[in-house]
Amino acid sequence: MKLYDLAYACRLYQGEFDYAYKRMCNGLGQNPALSSPDEQTCLLQFLKRLRTWASQWISQLPDVNRDIRGLNENERLTVGHAYEELLKMGTGLRFQDTAAAKTLHALRRNTLPMWDAAIKDRFISVHGLSSGAGGQVYLEFIGYMGDEISDLEKDVTRLGYSLNSVCALVRGDGASLVKLVDEYHWITITECHQPPSPDDLEQWLGWIH
């Protein structure tokens, strides 16, 4: 992934459909534990039926500031189990893979990624994975997103920036790298919109004068 591609996709992403996410982040704060009625209400309005799951699993999730690329095997397995338990709780409630991933991201938005059906299906197809193993596929996706961020870091370094500066360069609103990459996935996979090529940009800029 290139910084240009990320910045272009994230600029397109900003809009009304992102307001609910921002309200949720503001309501939960930086280190959500669902310990207060206000936090519970905020997240339950966003995803529903999490009190039982939260009491068992939130304390076992990685620290809120962990880099997605630095999760060890035990941490990844714990995330996978937490994901699977969310799927079980959501049986019959239209609360499945997309909602499970959004729940984990809401609680650890610097570390755990979101996806939707289109992004998940594309990932499964490209990597030849079984769609039946939800938790395992999500763990594979964590590794894949970590690799994307590492590729982005190479491009950012080439341009004379640091990875820590990407959020300010692209959005300027404190969004995490994990969230920005999700926005890129949503624009390019779910919405099937690819950034214009350098040749296109050069031609368009010529029309300004």
N, C-alpha and C. Protein backbone atom coordinates (compact mmCIF):
# COMPACT_ATOMS: atom_id res chain seq x y z
N MET A 1 0.84 -1.19 0.00
CA MET A 1 0.00 0.00 0.00
C MET A 1 0.88 1.24 0.00
N LYS A 2 0.51 2.25 -0.79
CA LYS A 2 1.22 3.51 -0.88
C LYS A 2 0.46 4.59 -0.09
N LEU A 3 1.22 5.57 0.39
CA LEU A 3 0.60 6.66 1.13
C LEU A 3 -0.41 7.40 0.25
N TYR A 4 -0.09 7.58 -1.03
CA TYR A 4 -1.01 8.25 -1.95
C TYR A 4 -2.35 7.51 -2.01
N ASP A 5 -2.30 6.19 -2.19
CA ASP A 5 -3.53 5.39 -2.28
C ASP A 5 -4.37 5.51 -1.01
N LEU A 6 -3.68 5.45 0.14
CA LEU A 6 -4.38 5.54 1.41
C LEU A 6 -5.04 6.91 1.58
N ALA A 7 -4.29 7.96 1.28
CA ALA A 7 -4.83 9.32 1.45
C ALA A 7 -6.02 9.55 0.54
N TYR A 8 -5.95 9.08 -0.69
CA TYR A 8 -7.05 9.27 -1.63
C TYR A 8 -8.31 8.55 -1.16
N ALA A 9 -8.15 7.28 -0.75
CA ALA A 9 -9.31 6.50 -0.31
C ALA A 9 -9.93 7.09 0.95
N CYS A 10 -9.09 7.52 1.89
CA CYS A 10 -9.61 8.06 3.14
C CYS A 10 -10.33 9.39 2.92
N ARG A 11 -9.88 10.17 1.94
CA ARG A 11 -10.58 11.42 1.62
C ARG A 11 -11.98 11.11 1.08
N LEU A 12 -12.11 10.08 0.26
CA LEU A 12 -13.42 9.70 -0.26
C LEU A 12 -14.32 9.14 0.84
N TYR A 13 -13.71 8.48 1.82
CA TYR A 13 -14.48 7.80 2.86
C TYR A 13 -15.22 8.77 3.77
N GLN A 14 -14.65 9.92 4.01
CA GLN A 14 -15.23 10.85 4.97
C GLN A 14 -16.62 11.29 4.53
N GLY A 15 -17.57 11.16 5.44
CA GLY A 15 -18.94 11.54 5.11
C GLY A 15 -19.89 11.14 6.20
N GLU A 16 -21.17 11.14 5.89
CA GLU A 16 -22.20 10.86 6.90
C GLU A 16 -22.08 9.46 7.49
N PHE A 17 -21.62 8.49 6.68
CA PHE A 17 -21.55 7.12 7.18
C PHE A 17 -20.45 6.94 8.21
N ASP A 18 -19.58 7.94 8.40
CA ASP A 18 -18.52 7.84 9.39
C ASP A 18 -18.91 8.50 10.71
N TYR A 19 -20.04 9.21 10.75
CA TYR A 19 -20.43 9.93 11.95
C TYR A 19 -20.74 8.98 13.11
N ALA A 20 -21.41 7.88 12.82
CA ALA A 20 -21.76 6.92 13.88
C ALA A 20 -20.50 6.36 14.52
N TYR A 21 -19.49 6.10 13.70
CA TYR A 21 -18.23 5.59 14.24
C TYR A 21 -17.59 6.61 15.17
N LYS A 22 -17.56 7.87 14.75
CA LYS A 22 -16.94 8.91 15.57
C LYS A 22 -17.71 9.11 16.88
N ARG A 23 -19.04 9.06 16.82
CA ARG A 23 -19.82 9.20 18.05
C ARG A 23 -19.53 8.04 19.00
N MET A 24 -19.39 6.84 18.44
CA MET A 24 -19.08 5.68 19.25
C MET A 24 -17.72 5.83 19.91
N CYS A 25 -16.71 6.27 19.16
CA CYS A 25 -15.37 6.45 19.72
C CYS A 25 -15.37 7.49 20.83
N ASN A 26 -16.06 8.59 20.62
CA ASN A 26 -16.12 9.64 21.63
C ASN A 26 -16.81 9.15 22.90
N GLY A 27 -17.85 8.35 22.72
CA GLY A 27 -18.59 7.85 23.87
C GLY A 27 -17.83 6.82 24.68
N LEU A 28 -17.03 6.00 24.00
CA LEU A 28 -16.30 4.94 24.69
C LEU A 28 -15.00 5.42 25.32
N GLY A 29 -14.41 6.49 24.80
CA GLY A 29 -13.12 6.95 25.30
C GLY A 29 -11.98 6.11 24.75
N GLN A 30 -10.78 6.31 25.30
CA GLN A 30 -9.57 5.66 24.78
C GLN A 30 -9.38 4.24 25.28
N ASN A 31 -9.95 3.89 26.41
CA ASN A 31 -9.71 2.57 26.99
C ASN A 31 -11.03 1.98 27.49
N PRO A 32 -11.92 1.59 26.58
CA PRO A 32 -13.24 1.14 26.98
C PRO A 32 -13.21 -0.20 27.71
N ALA A 33 -13.96 -0.30 28.77
CA ALA A 33 -14.08 -1.56 29.50
C ALA A 33 -15.53 -1.95 29.73
N LEU A 34 -16.46 -1.14 29.23
CA LEU A 34 -17.90 -1.37 29.42
C LEU A 34 -18.26 -1.47 30.89
N SER A 35 -17.53 -0.76 31.73
CA SER A 35 -17.77 -0.84 33.16
C SER A 35 -18.82 0.15 33.64
N SER A 36 -19.11 1.17 32.83
CA SER A 36 -20.10 2.17 33.23
C SER A 36 -21.35 2.03 32.39
N PRO A 37 -22.49 2.42 32.91
CA PRO A 37 -23.74 2.37 32.12
C PRO A 37 -23.65 3.18 30.83
N ASP A 38 -22.96 4.32 30.88
CA ASP A 38 -22.86 5.15 29.67
C ASP A 38 -22.09 4.44 28.57
N GLU A 39 -20.96 3.79 28.94
CA GLU A 39 -20.17 3.05 27.96
C GLU A 39 -20.97 1.88 27.40
N GLN A 40 -21.66 1.17 28.28
CA GLN A 40 -22.45 0.03 27.84
C GLN A 40 -23.54 0.47 26.87
N THR A 41 -24.23 1.55 27.20
CA THR A 41 -25.30 2.04 26.34
C THR A 41 -24.76 2.45 24.98
N CYS A 42 -23.62 3.16 24.99
CA CYS A 42 -23.03 3.63 23.73
C CYS A 42 -22.71 2.47 22.80
N LEU A 43 -22.01 1.47 23.31
CA LEU A 43 -21.61 0.37 22.45
C LEU A 43 -22.79 -0.54 22.13
N LEU A 44 -23.69 -0.74 23.08
CA LEU A 44 -24.83 -1.60 22.81
C LEU A 44 -25.75 -1.01 21.75
N GLN A 45 -25.84 0.30 21.69
CA GLN A 45 -26.60 0.93 20.62
C GLN A 45 -25.93 0.68 19.28
N PHE A 46 -24.61 0.56 19.30
CA PHE A 46 -23.85 0.37 18.06
C PHE A 46 -23.90 -1.08 17.61
N LEU A 47 -23.92 -2.03 18.53
CA LEU A 47 -23.80 -3.44 18.13
C LEU A 47 -24.74 -4.43 18.85
N LYS A 48 -25.16 -4.17 20.07
CA LYS A 48 -26.15 -4.97 20.83
C LYS A 48 -25.58 -6.21 21.52
N ARG A 49 -26.22 -6.56 22.61
CA ARG A 49 -26.06 -7.83 23.33
C ARG A 49 -24.62 -8.23 23.63
N LEU A 50 -23.89 -7.39 24.38
CA LEU A 50 -22.49 -7.69 24.64
C LEU A 50 -22.13 -7.81 26.12
N ARG A 51 -23.05 -7.62 27.02
CA ARG A 51 -22.68 -7.58 28.44
C ARG A 51 -22.04 -8.89 28.91
N THR A 52 -22.65 -10.01 28.58
CA THR A 52 -22.12 -11.30 29.03
C THR A 52 -20.75 -11.55 28.44
N TRP A 53 -20.63 -11.32 27.14
CA TRP A 53 -19.34 -11.51 26.47
C TRP A 53 -18.28 -10.58 27.05
N ALA A 54 -18.64 -9.33 27.28
CA ALA A 54 -17.68 -8.33 27.75
C ALA A 54 -17.09 -8.71 29.10
N SER A 55 -17.91 -9.25 29.99
CA SER A 55 -17.44 -9.57 31.33
C SER A 55 -16.35 -10.64 31.31
N GLN A 56 -16.35 -11.48 30.28
CA GLN A 56 -15.37 -12.55 30.20
C GLN A 56 -14.15 -12.18 29.37
N TRP A 57 -14.36 -11.44 28.26
CA TRP A 57 -13.32 -11.33 27.26
C TRP A 57 -12.56 -10.01 27.22
N ILE A 58 -13.16 -8.91 27.61
CA ILE A 58 -12.47 -7.62 27.44
C ILE A 58 -11.14 -7.58 28.17
N SER A 59 -11.09 -8.09 29.36
CA SER A 59 -9.85 -8.06 30.13
C SER A 59 -8.75 -8.92 29.50
N GLN A 60 -9.12 -9.83 28.61
CA GLN A 60 -8.14 -10.71 27.98
C GLN A 60 -7.64 -10.18 26.63
N LEU A 61 -8.26 -9.13 26.12
CA LEU A 61 -7.82 -8.58 24.84
C LEU A 61 -6.48 -7.87 24.98
N PRO A 62 -5.74 -7.71 23.89
CA PRO A 62 -4.45 -7.00 23.96
C PRO A 62 -4.62 -5.59 24.50
N ASP A 63 -3.54 -5.04 25.03
CA ASP A 63 -3.56 -3.67 25.53
C ASP A 63 -4.00 -2.72 24.43
N VAL A 64 -4.64 -1.62 24.83
CA VAL A 64 -5.22 -0.70 23.86
C VAL A 64 -4.17 -0.06 22.95
N ASN A 65 -2.92 -0.01 23.35
CA ASN A 65 -1.89 0.65 22.56
C ASN A 65 -0.98 -0.30 21.81
N ARG A 66 -1.32 -1.59 21.79
CA ARG A 66 -0.48 -2.55 21.08
C ARG A 66 -0.52 -2.32 19.58
N ASP A 67 0.65 -2.46 18.95
CA ASP A 67 0.76 -2.41 17.50
C ASP A 67 0.20 -3.72 16.94
N ILE A 68 -0.63 -3.62 15.92
CA ILE A 68 -1.22 -4.82 15.31
C ILE A 68 -0.15 -5.81 14.86
N ARG A 69 1.03 -5.28 14.51
CA ARG A 69 2.10 -6.14 14.00
C ARG A 69 2.86 -6.86 15.11
N GLY A 70 2.64 -6.46 16.38
CA GLY A 70 3.41 -7.03 17.46
C GLY A 70 2.67 -8.04 18.32
N LEU A 71 1.46 -8.43 17.92
CA LEU A 71 0.71 -9.40 18.71
C LEU A 71 1.40 -10.76 18.69
N ASN A 72 1.56 -11.36 19.86
CA ASN A 72 2.18 -12.69 19.89
C ASN A 72 1.12 -13.76 19.65
N GLU A 73 1.57 -15.00 19.58
CA GLU A 73 0.66 -16.10 19.22
C GLU A 73 -0.47 -16.25 20.23
N ASN A 74 -0.16 -16.15 21.51
CA ASN A 74 -1.19 -16.30 22.54
C ASN A 74 -2.23 -15.18 22.44
N GLU A 75 -1.77 -13.96 22.20
CA GLU A 75 -2.70 -12.85 22.08
C GLU A 75 -3.60 -13.04 20.86
N ARG A 76 -3.03 -13.48 19.78
CA ARG A 76 -3.83 -13.71 18.57
C ARG A 76 -4.86 -14.81 18.78
N LEU A 77 -4.46 -15.87 19.47
CA LEU A 77 -5.40 -16.96 19.75
C LEU A 77 -6.54 -16.49 20.63
N THR A 78 -6.22 -15.65 21.61
CA THR A 78 -7.26 -15.11 22.49
C THR A 78 -8.25 -14.27 21.70
N VAL A 79 -7.73 -13.45 20.80
CA VAL A 79 -8.60 -12.65 19.93
C VAL A 79 -9.50 -13.56 19.10
N GLY A 80 -8.92 -14.63 18.56
CA GLY A 80 -9.71 -15.57 17.77
C GLY A 80 -10.83 -16.21 18.57
N HIS A 81 -10.54 -16.60 19.82
CA HIS A 81 -11.57 -17.18 20.67
C HIS A 81 -12.66 -16.15 20.99
N ALA A 82 -12.23 -14.92 21.28
CA ALA A 82 -13.21 -13.86 21.57
C ALA A 82 -14.11 -13.62 20.37
N TYR A 83 -13.53 -13.65 19.19
CA TYR A 83 -14.29 -13.47 17.96
C TYR A 83 -15.31 -14.60 17.80
N GLU A 84 -14.87 -15.83 18.01
CA GLU A 84 -15.77 -16.98 17.87
C GLU A 84 -16.93 -16.90 18.86
N GLU A 85 -16.66 -16.45 20.07
CA GLU A 85 -17.72 -16.34 21.07
C GLU A 85 -18.73 -15.27 20.67
N LEU A 86 -18.25 -14.20 20.06
CA LEU A 86 -19.18 -13.19 19.55
C LEU A 86 -20.09 -13.78 18.48
N LEU A 87 -19.53 -14.60 17.61
CA LEU A 87 -20.34 -15.23 16.56
C LEU A 87 -21.41 -16.15 17.18
N LYS A 88 -21.03 -16.89 18.21
CA LYS A 88 -22.00 -17.78 18.86
C LYS A 88 -23.14 -16.98 19.49
N MET A 89 -22.79 -15.89 20.15
CA MET A 89 -23.82 -15.05 20.77
C MET A 89 -24.74 -14.43 19.74
N GLY A 90 -24.21 -14.20 18.55
CA GLY A 90 -24.99 -13.53 17.52
C GLY A 90 -25.82 -14.45 16.66
N THR A 91 -25.76 -15.76 16.91
CA THR A 91 -26.52 -16.70 16.10
C THR A 91 -28.01 -16.35 16.11
N GLY A 92 -28.57 -16.18 14.93
CA GLY A 92 -29.98 -15.87 14.80
C GLY A 92 -30.33 -14.42 15.01
N LEU A 93 -29.31 -13.57 15.24
CA LEU A 93 -29.57 -12.16 15.53
C LEU A 93 -29.03 -11.23 14.44
N ARG A 94 -28.63 -11.77 13.31
CA ARG A 94 -28.00 -10.96 12.26
C ARG A 94 -26.75 -10.25 12.80
N PHE A 95 -26.11 -10.88 13.74
CA PHE A 95 -24.88 -10.35 14.35
C PHE A 95 -23.79 -11.38 14.08
N GLN A 96 -23.12 -11.22 12.94
CA GLN A 96 -22.14 -12.22 12.58
C GLN A 96 -20.78 -11.57 12.32
N ASP A 97 -20.10 -11.96 11.25
CA ASP A 97 -18.69 -11.59 11.08
C ASP A 97 -18.45 -10.09 11.08
N THR A 98 -19.27 -9.34 10.36
CA THR A 98 -19.05 -7.89 10.31
C THR A 98 -19.21 -7.27 11.69
N ALA A 99 -20.28 -7.62 12.40
CA ALA A 99 -20.52 -7.06 13.73
C ALA A 99 -19.47 -7.51 14.73
N ALA A 100 -19.02 -8.78 14.62
CA ALA A 100 -18.00 -9.28 15.54
C ALA A 100 -16.70 -8.49 15.39
N ALA A 101 -16.28 -8.28 14.14
CA ALA A 101 -15.05 -7.53 13.90
C ALA A 101 -15.19 -6.08 14.35
N LYS A 102 -16.36 -5.48 14.12
CA LYS A 102 -16.58 -4.10 14.55
C LYS A 102 -16.56 -3.98 16.08
N THR A 103 -17.06 -5.00 16.75
CA THR A 103 -17.04 -4.99 18.21
C THR A 103 -15.60 -4.98 18.72
N LEU A 104 -14.77 -5.88 18.18
CA LEU A 104 -13.38 -5.95 18.62
C LEU A 104 -12.64 -4.66 18.28
N HIS A 105 -12.92 -4.10 17.12
CA HIS A 105 -12.27 -2.84 16.75
C HIS A 105 -12.72 -1.71 17.68
N ALA A 106 -14.00 -1.69 18.04
CA ALA A 106 -14.49 -0.64 18.92
C ALA A 106 -13.76 -0.64 20.26
N LEU A 107 -13.40 -1.83 20.72
CA LEU A 107 -12.73 -1.97 22.01
C LEU A 107 -11.22 -1.81 21.94
N ARG A 108 -10.64 -2.11 20.78
CA ARG A 108 -9.19 -2.00 20.60
C ARG A 108 -8.91 -1.41 19.21
N ARG A 109 -9.30 -0.13 19.02
CA ARG A 109 -9.29 0.42 17.68
C ARG A 109 -7.90 0.76 17.14
N ASN A 110 -6.86 0.69 17.99
CA ASN A 110 -5.49 0.84 17.49
C ASN A 110 -4.90 -0.48 17.03
N THR A 111 -5.57 -1.59 17.37
CA THR A 111 -4.94 -2.91 17.21
C THR A 111 -5.75 -3.89 16.37
N LEU A 112 -7.07 -3.91 16.54
CA LEU A 112 -7.89 -4.95 15.91
C LEU A 112 -8.73 -4.34 14.80
N PRO A 113 -8.72 -4.97 13.62
CA PRO A 113 -9.36 -4.37 12.44
C PRO A 113 -10.84 -4.71 12.30
N MET A 114 -11.51 -3.88 11.52
CA MET A 114 -12.88 -4.15 11.08
C MET A 114 -12.83 -4.79 9.69
N TRP A 115 -13.95 -5.36 9.31
CA TRP A 115 -14.18 -5.73 7.91
C TRP A 115 -15.68 -5.81 7.69
N ASP A 116 -16.09 -5.89 6.44
CA ASP A 116 -17.48 -6.17 6.12
C ASP A 116 -17.50 -7.42 5.25
N ALA A 117 -18.67 -7.82 4.79
CA ALA A 117 -18.79 -9.08 4.04
C ALA A 117 -17.95 -9.05 2.77
N ALA A 118 -17.95 -7.91 2.07
CA ALA A 118 -17.20 -7.83 0.81
C ALA A 118 -15.69 -7.95 1.05
N ILE A 119 -15.20 -7.26 2.07
CA ILE A 119 -13.77 -7.31 2.38
C ILE A 119 -13.38 -8.71 2.84
N LYS A 120 -14.19 -9.30 3.71
CA LYS A 120 -13.91 -10.66 4.20
C LYS A 120 -13.92 -11.66 3.04
N ASP A 121 -14.93 -11.59 2.19
CA ASP A 121 -15.03 -12.54 1.08
C ASP A 121 -13.86 -12.38 0.11
N ARG A 122 -13.44 -11.14 -0.16
CA ARG A 122 -12.29 -10.93 -1.04
C ARG A 122 -11.03 -11.52 -0.43
N PHE A 123 -10.86 -11.31 0.87
CA PHE A 123 -9.68 -11.84 1.55
C PHE A 123 -9.67 -13.36 1.50
N ILE A 124 -10.80 -13.98 1.76
CA ILE A 124 -10.89 -15.45 1.72
C ILE A 124 -10.59 -15.96 0.32
N SER A 125 -11.13 -15.29 -0.70
CA SER A 125 -10.94 -15.72 -2.08
C SER A 125 -9.49 -15.61 -2.51
N VAL A 126 -8.88 -14.47 -2.24
CA VAL A 126 -7.51 -14.22 -2.68
C VAL A 126 -6.53 -15.16 -1.99
N HIS A 127 -6.77 -15.47 -0.73
CA HIS A 127 -5.82 -16.26 0.04
C HIS A 127 -6.21 -17.74 0.14
N GLY A 128 -7.29 -18.12 -0.52
CA GLY A 128 -7.68 -19.53 -0.56
C GLY A 128 -8.04 -20.11 0.79
N LEU A 129 -8.74 -19.35 1.61
CA LEU A 129 -9.09 -19.79 2.96
C LEU A 129 -10.49 -20.37 3.01
N SER A 130 -10.77 -21.11 4.07
CA SER A 130 -12.11 -21.66 4.28
C SER A 130 -12.98 -20.63 4.98
N SER A 131 -14.15 -20.37 4.45
CA SER A 131 -15.05 -19.39 5.04
C SER A 131 -15.69 -19.89 6.33
N GLY A 132 -15.56 -21.18 6.63
CA GLY A 132 -16.21 -21.73 7.82
C GLY A 132 -15.50 -21.43 9.13
N ALA A 133 -14.20 -21.15 9.07
CA ALA A 133 -13.42 -20.93 10.28
C ALA A 133 -13.30 -19.44 10.54
N GLY A 134 -14.36 -18.85 11.10
CA GLY A 134 -14.42 -17.40 11.25
C GLY A 134 -13.29 -16.81 12.06
N GLY A 135 -13.04 -17.38 13.25
CA GLY A 135 -11.99 -16.85 14.10
C GLY A 135 -10.62 -16.96 13.48
N GLN A 136 -10.35 -18.10 12.83
CA GLN A 136 -9.04 -18.30 12.21
C GLN A 136 -8.85 -17.35 11.03
N VAL A 137 -9.90 -17.15 10.25
CA VAL A 137 -9.81 -16.23 9.12
C VAL A 137 -9.55 -14.81 9.62
N TYR A 138 -10.19 -14.43 10.71
CA TYR A 138 -9.96 -13.10 11.27
C TYR A 138 -8.52 -12.95 11.73
N LEU A 139 -7.95 -14.00 12.32
CA LEU A 139 -6.55 -13.94 12.73
C LEU A 139 -5.63 -13.79 11.52
N GLU A 140 -5.94 -14.49 10.45
CA GLU A 140 -5.16 -14.34 9.22
C GLU A 140 -5.27 -12.91 8.68
N PHE A 141 -6.44 -12.34 8.81
CA PHE A 141 -6.66 -10.98 8.34
C PHE A 141 -5.85 -9.98 9.17
N ILE A 142 -5.73 -10.21 10.47
CA ILE A 142 -4.89 -9.37 11.32
C ILE A 142 -3.46 -9.37 10.80
N GLY A 143 -2.95 -10.56 10.49
CA GLY A 143 -1.59 -10.66 9.96
C GLY A 143 -1.44 -9.94 8.64
N TYR A 144 -2.45 -10.08 7.78
CA TYR A 144 -2.42 -9.42 6.47
C TYR A 144 -2.43 -7.91 6.62
N MET A 145 -3.27 -7.39 7.51
CA MET A 145 -3.31 -5.94 7.70
C MET A 145 -2.00 -5.44 8.29
N GLY A 146 -1.40 -6.22 9.16
CA GLY A 146 -0.09 -5.85 9.69
C GLY A 146 0.94 -5.73 8.58
N ASP A 147 0.90 -6.66 7.63
CA ASP A 147 1.81 -6.60 6.48
C ASP A 147 1.54 -5.36 5.63
N GLU A 148 0.27 -5.01 5.48
CA GLU A 148 -0.06 -3.80 4.71
C GLU A 148 0.52 -2.55 5.38
N ILE A 149 0.41 -2.50 6.70
CA ILE A 149 0.96 -1.35 7.42
C ILE A 149 2.48 -1.30 7.30
N SER A 150 3.11 -2.46 7.30
CA SER A 150 4.57 -2.49 7.11
C SER A 150 4.95 -1.99 5.72
N ASP A 151 4.18 -2.37 4.71
CA ASP A 151 4.43 -1.87 3.35
C ASP A 151 4.22 -0.35 3.29
N LEU A 152 3.18 0.11 3.98
CA LEU A 152 2.93 1.55 4.03
C LEU A 152 4.09 2.27 4.70
N GLU A 153 4.64 1.68 5.75
CA GLU A 153 5.76 2.31 6.44
C GLU A 153 6.96 2.50 5.51
N LYS A 154 7.21 1.52 4.64
CA LYS A 154 8.31 1.65 3.68
C LYS A 154 8.09 2.84 2.75
N ASP A 155 6.86 3.00 2.28
CA ASP A 155 6.56 4.10 1.37
C ASP A 155 6.65 5.44 2.09
N VAL A 156 6.14 5.47 3.32
CA VAL A 156 6.18 6.70 4.11
C VAL A 156 7.62 7.12 4.38
N THR A 157 8.45 6.14 4.72
CA THR A 157 9.87 6.42 4.97
C THR A 157 10.55 6.94 3.72
N ARG A 158 10.22 6.35 2.58
CA ARG A 158 10.78 6.80 1.31
C ARG A 158 10.46 8.26 1.05
N LEU A 159 9.30 8.70 1.51
CA LEU A 159 8.87 10.07 1.27
C LEU A 159 9.35 11.04 2.36
N GLY A 160 10.09 10.51 3.33
CA GLY A 160 10.66 11.37 4.35
C GLY A 160 9.78 11.60 5.56
N TYR A 161 8.76 10.76 5.76
CA TYR A 161 7.88 10.87 6.91
C TYR A 161 8.07 9.66 7.82
N SER A 162 7.41 9.69 8.95
CA SER A 162 7.38 8.53 9.84
C SER A 162 5.98 7.94 9.84
N LEU A 163 5.88 6.69 10.25
CA LEU A 163 4.57 6.04 10.29
C LEU A 163 3.65 6.76 11.26
N ASN A 164 4.20 7.34 12.32
CA ASN A 164 3.39 8.06 13.31
C ASN A 164 2.74 9.32 12.73
N SER A 165 3.26 9.81 11.61
CA SER A 165 2.72 11.03 11.02
C SER A 165 1.61 10.78 10.02
N VAL A 166 1.35 9.51 9.70
CA VAL A 166 0.39 9.19 8.64
C VAL A 166 -1.01 9.70 8.96
N CYS A 167 -1.47 9.49 10.17
CA CYS A 167 -2.83 9.90 10.52
C CYS A 167 -3.01 11.40 10.33
N ALA A 168 -2.01 12.19 10.75
CA ALA A 168 -2.09 13.64 10.58
C ALA A 168 -2.05 14.02 9.11
N LEU A 169 -1.25 13.33 8.32
CA LEU A 169 -1.14 13.63 6.90
C LEU A 169 -2.42 13.31 6.14
N VAL A 170 -3.05 12.21 6.53
CA VAL A 170 -4.19 11.70 5.76
C VAL A 170 -5.51 12.27 6.25
N ARG A 171 -5.72 12.32 7.55
CA ARG A 171 -7.01 12.73 8.09
C ARG A 171 -6.94 13.90 9.06
N GLY A 172 -5.93 13.89 9.91
CA GLY A 172 -5.79 14.97 10.87
C GLY A 172 -6.79 14.93 12.01
N ASP A 173 -7.47 13.80 12.23
CA ASP A 173 -8.47 13.73 13.29
C ASP A 173 -8.17 12.66 14.33
N GLY A 174 -6.94 12.13 14.32
CA GLY A 174 -6.55 11.16 15.32
C GLY A 174 -6.98 9.73 15.04
N ALA A 175 -7.46 9.45 13.85
CA ALA A 175 -7.84 8.08 13.50
C ALA A 175 -6.62 7.16 13.56
N SER A 176 -6.83 5.92 13.96
CA SER A 176 -5.73 4.97 14.03
C SER A 176 -5.36 4.47 12.64
N LEU A 177 -4.15 3.92 12.51
CA LEU A 177 -3.73 3.33 11.24
C LEU A 177 -4.66 2.19 10.83
N VAL A 178 -5.07 1.40 11.83
CA VAL A 178 -5.98 0.29 11.54
C VAL A 178 -7.28 0.82 10.93
N LYS A 179 -7.80 1.92 11.46
CA LYS A 179 -9.03 2.50 10.92
C LYS A 179 -8.80 3.05 9.52
N LEU A 180 -7.68 3.70 9.28
CA LEU A 180 -7.40 4.26 7.95
C LEU A 180 -7.30 3.15 6.90
N VAL A 181 -6.65 2.06 7.26
CA VAL A 181 -6.54 0.95 6.30
C VAL A 181 -7.92 0.34 6.02
N ASP A 182 -8.77 0.30 7.05
CA ASP A 182 -10.14 -0.17 6.83
C ASP A 182 -10.87 0.75 5.84
N GLU A 183 -10.68 2.05 5.97
CA GLU A 183 -11.31 2.98 5.04
C GLU A 183 -10.81 2.73 3.61
N TYR A 184 -9.53 2.45 3.48
CA TYR A 184 -8.97 2.11 2.16
C TYR A 184 -9.63 0.84 1.61
N HIS A 185 -9.78 -0.17 2.46
CA HIS A 185 -10.43 -1.42 2.02
C HIS A 185 -11.87 -1.15 1.59
N TRP A 186 -12.58 -0.33 2.37
CA TRP A 186 -13.99 -0.10 2.06
C TRP A 186 -14.15 0.62 0.73
N ILE A 187 -13.31 1.61 0.47
CA ILE A 187 -13.39 2.34 -0.78
C ILE A 187 -13.00 1.47 -1.96
N THR A 188 -11.90 0.73 -1.83
CA THR A 188 -11.37 -0.01 -2.98
C THR A 188 -12.01 -1.38 -3.19
N ILE A 189 -12.51 -2.00 -2.12
CA ILE A 189 -13.10 -3.34 -2.25
C ILE A 189 -14.63 -3.28 -2.20
N THR A 190 -15.17 -2.75 -1.12
CA THR A 190 -16.63 -2.70 -0.98
C THR A 190 -17.25 -1.80 -2.03
N GLU A 191 -16.66 -0.62 -2.24
CA GLU A 191 -17.19 0.34 -3.21
C GLU A 191 -16.55 0.22 -4.59
N CYS A 192 -15.55 -0.66 -4.73
CA CYS A 192 -14.90 -0.93 -6.04
C CYS A 192 -14.39 0.35 -6.71
N HIS A 193 -13.81 1.25 -5.92
CA HIS A 193 -13.29 2.51 -6.46
C HIS A 193 -11.79 2.54 -6.27
N GLN A 194 -11.04 2.58 -7.36
CA GLN A 194 -9.59 2.60 -7.30
C GLN A 194 -9.05 4.01 -7.46
N PRO A 195 -7.97 4.35 -6.76
CA PRO A 195 -7.35 5.68 -6.93
C PRO A 195 -6.91 5.89 -8.38
N PRO A 196 -6.98 7.11 -8.86
CA PRO A 196 -6.54 7.38 -10.23
C PRO A 196 -5.04 7.18 -10.38
N SER A 197 -4.62 6.85 -11.58
CA SER A 197 -3.21 6.62 -11.84
C SER A 197 -2.47 7.95 -11.90
N PRO A 198 -1.13 7.93 -11.78
CA PRO A 198 -0.35 9.16 -11.93
C PRO A 198 -0.59 9.84 -13.27
N ASP A 199 -0.78 9.06 -14.34
CA ASP A 199 -1.05 9.66 -15.66
C ASP A 199 -2.37 10.41 -15.65
N ASP A 200 -3.39 9.82 -15.01
CA ASP A 200 -4.69 10.50 -14.91
C ASP A 200 -4.54 11.82 -14.16
N LEU A 201 -3.83 11.77 -13.05
CA LEU A 201 -3.65 12.98 -12.25
C LEU A 201 -2.92 14.07 -13.03
N GLU A 202 -1.89 13.66 -13.75
CA GLU A 202 -1.13 14.64 -14.54
C GLU A 202 -2.03 15.30 -15.59
N GLN A 203 -2.85 14.49 -16.23
CA GLN A 203 -3.77 15.05 -17.25
C GLN A 203 -4.79 15.99 -16.61
N TRP A 204 -5.38 15.59 -15.50
CA TRP A 204 -6.38 16.41 -14.85
C TRP A 204 -5.81 17.73 -14.36
N LEU A 205 -4.58 17.67 -13.81
CA LEU A 205 -3.95 18.90 -13.35
C LEU A 205 -3.69 19.86 -14.50
N GLY A 206 -3.44 19.30 -15.68
CA GLY A 206 -3.25 20.14 -16.86
C GLY A 206 -4.50 20.88 -17.28
N TRP A 207 -5.66 20.38 -16.90
CA TRP A 207 -6.92 21.03 -17.26
C TRP A 207 -7.22 22.24 -16.37
N ILE A 208 -6.50 22.36 -15.23
CA ILE A 208 -6.76 23.45 -14.31
C ILE A 208 -6.34 24.79 -14.91
N HIS A 209 -5.24 24.79 -15.67
CA HIS A 209 -4.66 26.04 -16.18
C HIS A 209 -5.38 26.50 -17.44
